[in-house]
Protein backbone atom coordinates (compact mmCIF):
# COMPACT_ATOMS: atom_id res chain seq x y z
CA UNK A 1 80.94 135.82 109.32
CA UNK A 2 81.88 137.32 105.97
CA UNK A 3 81.97 134.44 103.50
CA UNK A 4 82.22 133.98 99.76
CA UNK A 5 80.78 130.94 97.98
CA UNK A 6 82.61 129.40 95.03
CA UNK A 7 80.65 126.82 93.07
CA UNK A 8 82.21 124.75 90.27
CA UNK A 9 79.54 124.35 87.59
CA UNK A 10 81.65 121.64 85.93
CA UNK A 11 81.76 119.49 89.07
CA UNK A 12 79.60 116.38 89.39
CA UNK A 13 76.10 117.19 90.62
CA UNK A 14 76.36 120.83 89.59
CA UNK A 15 76.51 119.84 85.91
CA UNK A 16 72.80 119.03 86.05
CA UNK A 17 71.81 121.74 88.54
CA UNK A 18 70.19 125.12 87.79
CA UNK A 19 73.20 127.07 89.04
CA UNK A 20 71.42 130.43 88.96
CA UNK A 21 68.77 129.05 91.29
CA UNK A 22 71.40 127.39 93.48
CA UNK A 23 73.43 130.60 93.76
CA UNK A 24 70.32 132.53 94.80
CA UNK A 25 69.32 129.89 97.34
CA UNK A 26 72.82 129.82 98.86
CA UNK A 27 72.83 133.59 99.33
CA UNK A 28 69.36 133.53 100.88
CA UNK A 29 70.19 130.75 103.35
CA UNK A 30 73.51 132.18 104.53
CA UNK A 31 72.10 135.70 104.88
CA UNK A 32 69.14 134.33 106.83
CA UNK A 33 71.69 132.77 109.22
CA UNK A 34 73.29 136.20 109.73
CA UNK A 35 76.29 135.95 107.44
CA UNK A 36 77.60 138.51 104.97
CA UNK A 37 77.57 136.17 101.99
CA UNK A 38 77.95 136.33 98.22
CA UNK A 39 78.04 133.32 95.88
CA UNK A 40 79.72 133.10 92.48
CA UNK A 41 79.60 130.28 89.92
CA UNK A 42 82.83 129.45 88.09
CA UNK A 43 84.07 126.96 85.53
CA UNK A 44 86.51 124.29 86.68
CA UNK A 45 89.45 126.22 85.20
CA UNK A 46 88.48 129.48 86.87
CA UNK A 47 87.56 128.43 90.39
CA UNK A 48 90.95 127.77 92.02
CA UNK A 49 92.55 131.10 90.95
CA UNK A 50 89.38 132.88 92.11
CA UNK A 51 89.54 131.24 95.55
CA UNK A 52 93.23 132.10 95.83
CA UNK A 53 92.56 135.76 95.08
CA UNK A 54 89.72 135.93 97.60
CA UNK A 55 91.69 134.19 100.36
CA UNK A 56 94.39 136.84 100.20
CA UNK A 57 91.88 139.53 101.14
CA UNK A 58 91.91 140.71 104.75
CA UNK A 59 88.16 141.30 104.97
CA UNK A 60 86.75 137.75 104.74
CA UNK A 61 86.46 135.03 107.36
CA UNK A 62 86.13 132.05 105.06
CA UNK A 63 85.10 130.48 101.78
CA UNK A 64 82.37 128.00 100.94
CA UNK A 65 83.48 125.69 98.13
CA UNK A 66 81.19 123.49 96.07
CA UNK A 67 82.42 120.86 93.63
CA UNK A 68 84.17 117.52 93.39
CA UNK A 69 86.99 116.21 95.55
CA UNK A 70 89.59 118.06 93.47
CA UNK A 71 87.89 121.41 94.04
CA UNK A 72 87.43 120.72 97.75
CA UNK A 73 91.06 119.64 98.18
CA UNK A 74 92.26 122.85 96.49
CA UNK A 75 89.91 124.92 98.64
CA UNK A 76 91.17 123.25 101.84
CA UNK A 77 94.77 123.97 100.86
CA UNK A 78 93.92 127.63 100.24
CA UNK A 79 91.96 127.96 103.49
CA UNK A 80 94.75 126.33 105.51
CA UNK A 81 97.51 128.49 104.05
CA UNK A 82 95.52 131.67 104.66
CA UNK A 83 94.08 130.79 108.07
CA UNK A 84 90.44 131.15 107.05
CA UNK A 85 87.46 128.81 107.47
CA UNK A 86 86.19 126.38 104.85
CA UNK A 87 82.65 125.25 104.17
CA UNK A 88 82.23 122.16 101.96
CA UNK A 89 79.32 121.62 99.56
CA UNK A 90 79.72 118.02 98.26
CA UNK A 91 78.95 117.99 94.54
CA UNK A 92 81.43 115.33 93.42
CA UNK A 93 81.47 111.58 92.90
CA UNK A 94 82.95 110.38 96.19
CA UNK A 95 82.78 113.46 98.48
CA UNK A 96 85.20 111.84 100.92
CA UNK A 97 86.11 114.94 102.94
CA UNK A 98 82.46 115.89 103.31
CA UNK A 99 81.67 112.40 104.57
CA UNK A 100 84.39 112.70 107.23
CA UNK A 101 82.97 116.09 108.27
CA UNK A 102 79.43 114.61 108.31
CA UNK A 103 78.16 117.26 105.90
CA UNK A 104 74.91 116.13 104.21
CA UNK A 105 75.56 114.81 100.71
CA UNK A 106 72.47 116.58 99.35
CA UNK A 107 73.78 119.90 97.95
CA UNK A 108 70.67 121.82 99.02
CA UNK A 109 70.59 120.41 102.55
CA UNK A 110 74.33 121.10 102.90
CA UNK A 111 73.64 124.83 102.60
CA UNK A 112 71.39 124.80 105.67
CA UNK A 113 73.90 122.76 107.69
CA UNK A 114 76.82 125.05 106.88
CA UNK A 115 74.97 128.35 107.21
CA UNK A 116 73.59 127.51 110.65
CA UNK A 117 76.67 125.55 111.74
CA UNK A 118 79.79 126.38 113.69
CA UNK A 119 83.53 126.56 113.14
CA UNK A 120 85.57 123.52 114.19
CA UNK A 121 89.27 122.73 113.87
CA UNK A 122 90.34 119.52 112.11
CA UNK A 123 93.60 117.93 111.01
CA UNK A 124 95.22 118.36 107.62
CA UNK A 125 98.29 116.54 106.27
CA UNK A 126 101.10 117.42 103.88
CA UNK A 127 103.53 115.65 101.56
CA UNK A 128 106.75 117.60 101.03
CA UNK A 129 104.84 120.66 102.14
CA UNK A 130 101.91 120.15 99.76
CA UNK A 131 98.69 119.80 101.79
CA UNK A 132 96.15 117.01 101.39
CA UNK A 133 92.91 116.28 103.19
CA UNK A 134 92.38 112.63 102.25
CA UNK A 135 95.39 110.56 101.21
CA UNK A 136 98.73 110.22 99.47
CA UNK A 137 99.30 106.90 97.72
CA UNK A 138 101.66 105.12 95.36
CA UNK A 139 101.46 101.74 93.64
CA UNK A 140 98.05 100.12 93.13
CA UNK A 141 95.99 103.29 93.53
CA UNK A 142 98.25 105.40 91.32
CA UNK A 143 98.19 102.79 88.58
CA UNK A 144 94.40 102.59 88.75
CA UNK A 145 94.04 106.38 88.44
CA UNK A 146 96.46 106.41 85.51
CA UNK A 147 94.43 103.69 83.78
CA UNK A 148 91.16 105.53 84.50
CA UNK A 149 92.50 108.81 83.16
CA UNK A 150 93.31 107.09 79.87
CA UNK A 151 89.59 106.40 79.32
CA UNK A 152 87.05 108.90 78.02
CA UNK A 153 84.01 109.69 80.19
CA UNK A 154 81.70 112.69 80.47
CA UNK A 155 79.47 111.95 83.43
CA UNK A 156 79.51 110.75 86.99
CA UNK A 157 78.34 107.30 85.91
CA UNK A 158 80.97 107.32 83.19
CA UNK A 159 83.65 108.03 85.76
CA UNK A 160 82.43 105.18 87.95
CA UNK A 161 82.49 102.84 84.95
CA UNK A 162 86.00 103.98 84.00
CA UNK A 163 87.14 103.38 87.59
CA UNK A 164 85.74 99.83 87.50
CA UNK A 165 87.55 99.10 84.24
CA UNK A 166 90.76 100.56 85.65
CA UNK A 167 90.48 98.52 88.84
CA UNK A 168 90.10 95.33 86.81
CA UNK A 169 93.19 96.27 84.81
CA UNK A 170 95.21 96.73 88.00
CA UNK A 171 94.06 93.35 89.33
CA UNK A 172 95.56 91.74 86.23
CA UNK A 173 98.75 93.83 86.31
CA UNK A 174 99.68 94.87 89.87
CA UNK A 175 102.85 96.91 90.46
CA UNK A 176 105.76 95.87 92.68
CA UNK A 177 108.49 98.17 93.99
CA UNK A 178 110.82 98.89 96.94
CA UNK A 179 110.30 101.56 99.57
CA UNK A 180 112.31 102.57 102.62
CA UNK A 181 110.23 104.08 105.39
CA UNK A 182 110.75 105.73 108.75
CA UNK A 183 107.71 105.94 111.01
CA UNK A 184 107.25 105.94 114.79
CA UNK A 185 110.89 104.98 115.34
CA UNK A 186 110.75 102.08 112.86
CA UNK A 187 113.22 102.01 109.95
CA UNK A 188 112.61 99.38 107.31
CA UNK A 189 112.90 98.53 103.62
CA UNK A 190 110.00 96.66 102.10
CA UNK A 191 109.00 95.35 98.73
CA UNK A 192 105.38 96.31 98.21
CA UNK A 193 102.54 96.70 95.75
CA UNK A 194 101.03 99.72 97.49
CA UNK A 195 101.80 102.52 99.94
CA UNK A 196 99.13 104.83 101.33
CA UNK A 197 99.24 107.59 103.93
CA UNK A 198 95.92 109.10 105.02
CA UNK A 199 94.85 112.16 106.98
CA UNK A 200 93.79 110.19 110.07
CA UNK A 201 93.20 106.42 109.79
CA UNK A 202 90.51 105.09 107.48
CA UNK A 203 87.28 104.03 109.09
CA UNK A 204 85.53 100.71 108.50
CA UNK A 205 83.83 101.79 105.29
CA UNK A 206 84.11 100.77 101.64
CA UNK A 207 85.09 104.26 100.42
CA UNK A 208 88.14 104.56 102.70
CA UNK A 209 87.52 107.86 104.45
CA UNK A 210 88.35 108.79 108.02
CA UNK A 211 85.59 108.55 110.62
CA UNK A 212 87.23 111.42 112.50
CA UNK A 213 89.60 114.18 111.40
CA UNK A 214 90.69 115.14 114.91
CA UNK A 215 92.66 112.04 115.92
CA UNK A 216 96.07 113.68 115.52
CA UNK A 217 97.65 110.79 113.61
CA UNK A 218 98.22 109.56 110.09
CA UNK A 219 97.10 106.23 108.73
CA UNK A 220 100.13 104.49 107.18
CA UNK A 221 99.42 101.41 105.07
CA UNK A 222 101.62 99.15 102.95
CA UNK A 223 100.60 96.04 101.00
CA UNK A 224 103.00 93.17 100.34
CA UNK A 225 103.85 92.28 96.72
CA UNK A 226 100.57 90.95 95.36
CA UNK A 227 99.62 88.63 92.55
CA UNK A 228 96.23 89.07 90.82
CA UNK A 229 94.44 86.83 93.33
CA UNK A 230 95.91 88.82 96.23
CA UNK A 231 94.81 92.12 94.67
CA UNK A 232 91.31 90.71 94.20
CA UNK A 233 91.18 89.66 97.86
CA UNK A 234 92.37 93.10 98.94
CA UNK A 235 89.71 94.75 96.76
CA UNK A 236 87.03 92.60 98.37
CA UNK A 237 88.24 93.51 101.85
CA UNK A 238 88.25 97.20 100.88
CA UNK A 239 84.67 96.96 99.67
CA UNK A 240 83.70 95.24 102.92
CA UNK A 241 85.47 97.91 104.99
CA UNK A 242 87.70 95.15 106.39
CA UNK A 243 91.13 96.23 105.18
CA UNK A 244 92.49 95.88 108.73
CA UNK A 245 91.79 92.16 108.58
CA UNK A 246 93.80 91.62 105.40
CA UNK A 247 97.00 89.71 106.25
CA UNK A 248 98.93 91.35 103.41
CA UNK A 249 98.46 94.87 104.79
CA UNK A 250 100.66 96.51 107.42
CA UNK A 251 99.09 99.40 109.35
CA UNK A 252 100.70 102.04 111.56
CA UNK A 253 99.41 105.30 113.07
CA UNK A 254 102.36 107.71 113.27
CA UNK A 255 102.32 111.52 113.22
CA UNK A 256 105.02 111.62 110.52
CA UNK A 257 106.28 109.27 107.80
CA UNK A 258 109.35 109.56 105.60
CA UNK A 259 109.37 107.51 102.40
CA UNK A 260 112.35 106.84 100.12
CA UNK A 261 112.00 105.05 96.79
CA UNK A 262 115.50 103.71 95.99
CA UNK A 263 114.71 102.52 92.47
CA UNK A 264 112.32 105.19 91.32
CA UNK A 265 111.21 104.99 87.70
CA UNK A 266 111.35 108.34 85.90
CA UNK A 267 107.64 108.11 85.02
CA UNK A 268 106.42 106.87 88.41
CA UNK A 269 103.29 108.52 89.79
CA UNK A 270 101.56 109.08 93.09
CA UNK A 271 98.03 110.20 93.87
CA UNK A 272 97.18 113.05 96.23
CA UNK A 273 93.47 113.57 96.91
CA UNK A 274 92.65 111.88 93.61
CA UNK A 275 95.11 113.91 91.53
CA UNK A 276 97.84 112.03 89.66
CA UNK A 277 101.25 113.62 90.22
CA UNK A 278 104.92 112.71 89.59
CA UNK A 279 106.33 110.66 92.46
CA UNK A 280 109.40 112.14 94.15
CA UNK A 281 112.25 109.95 95.36
CA UNK A 282 111.88 111.21 98.94
CA UNK A 283 108.53 112.14 100.46
CA UNK A 284 108.11 113.60 103.94
CA UNK A 285 104.54 113.25 105.18
CA UNK A 286 103.33 115.12 108.23
CA UNK A 287 100.09 115.67 110.11
CA UNK A 288 99.11 119.19 111.15
CA UNK A 289 96.67 118.67 114.06
CA UNK A 290 93.74 121.05 114.29
CA UNK A 291 95.17 123.53 111.79
CA UNK A 292 92.26 123.60 109.32
CA UNK A 293 89.15 125.58 110.24
CA UNK A 294 85.92 124.12 108.85
CA UNK A 295 82.20 124.77 109.05
CA UNK A 296 80.32 121.83 110.55
CA UNK A 297 76.85 121.08 111.86
CA UNK A 298 75.95 123.01 115.03
CA UNK A 299 76.90 120.92 118.06
CA UNK A 300 78.65 118.22 116.00
CA UNK A 301 82.08 118.79 117.54
CA UNK A 302 80.69 118.25 121.04
CA UNK A 303 78.87 115.10 119.93
CA UNK A 304 82.05 113.64 118.43
CA UNK A 305 84.12 114.51 121.49
CA UNK A 306 81.58 112.78 123.73
CA UNK A 307 81.50 109.69 121.50
CA UNK A 308 85.30 109.46 121.50
CA UNK A 309 85.43 109.78 125.30
CA UNK A 310 82.97 106.91 125.62
CA UNK A 311 85.09 104.73 123.32
CA UNK A 312 88.19 105.12 125.48
CA UNK A 313 86.40 104.97 128.83
CA UNK A 314 87.20 101.82 130.89
C-alpha cells in the first residue's frame, strides 16, 4: 500500500518524544512490511489541512495518523470522505478509538501492528452529516468539557487534573433540559440531564468506548434530571463500567436517532469526539455500517467475528 504518515508533535505522548527518531522508525517499519511509506511531523495547526490535501490525491491508499483523539477523529473523517484507509497511532490522553480497534497503546509497538496488519471495515457515525467515531453528547458531558476548557493546563497530567475539577463542578451544578427524540419507532419528549449517542454501544469499561465497531447500531443514552447525589452515583457507575445498571439511564440501540431541543439556549453546546461545538436545535444522527477502512492487527477481524458468533450461539 502507498501510505503517508502524519504525526502531531503537539499531541500528548509526542510532546516528549524524539520525533525525528520516531519518523525514521515509522518509515523503516512500514517499508520493511512492503509499503510505500513516508512520514511527516506537523504541528497541531498544520496537520488537518495537510491530511486533507493528501487525501485528495489519487495515488495513495491511506493515511497513518498519530496524535490525540481530536487528530484521530479528524483523520477518520478525512479517510471516510475520501474512501481511503486509516491507521491510528494513539498518542493522546484517552485514545478511545484506538482502544476499540485494539491497537497497542504504546506508540512504538503500534507501528509494528499497523505496518504488518490488514485492512478492515468498521462503522462510523454522523450528526447532521458531520462524522464522528466515538460519541455525540449534550448536557452533563458538554458542561464538563466547557468547564475543563476554562482551566489552564499544559500537559497530559494537567488535562486529567482539569477534567477532575470540571467533573466535580458538574456534580454540584448539573444541567436539566427537554429533548424530543425519535428512535427505533419510539417518539417521546423527556426532561433530562444528559443525552449521548455513540458509534456502537459502549462496552463495560470505565472510559466508555465501544468493544466492537462492527455492530451496526448506535448506542443511545439519556439520563433523567439529576441532583448532585444522582450525578455522583452515575459517575461511580461510569467508573465501574456499570452504566447499564443505573436506574436513571435509558438505553436504546437504534441505527438512527433524531433529536429536537424545543427550548434551546443560544449558547448551548454539544461535544463531538471531545470537541465542544454549538448545539443545533435539530440533530439527525446516523450510523454508516462498515464504511470506514482501518488498519488493524493481522487476523484480528477473524478473531472478533469468531468471538461474536460464540456469544450469540445457543
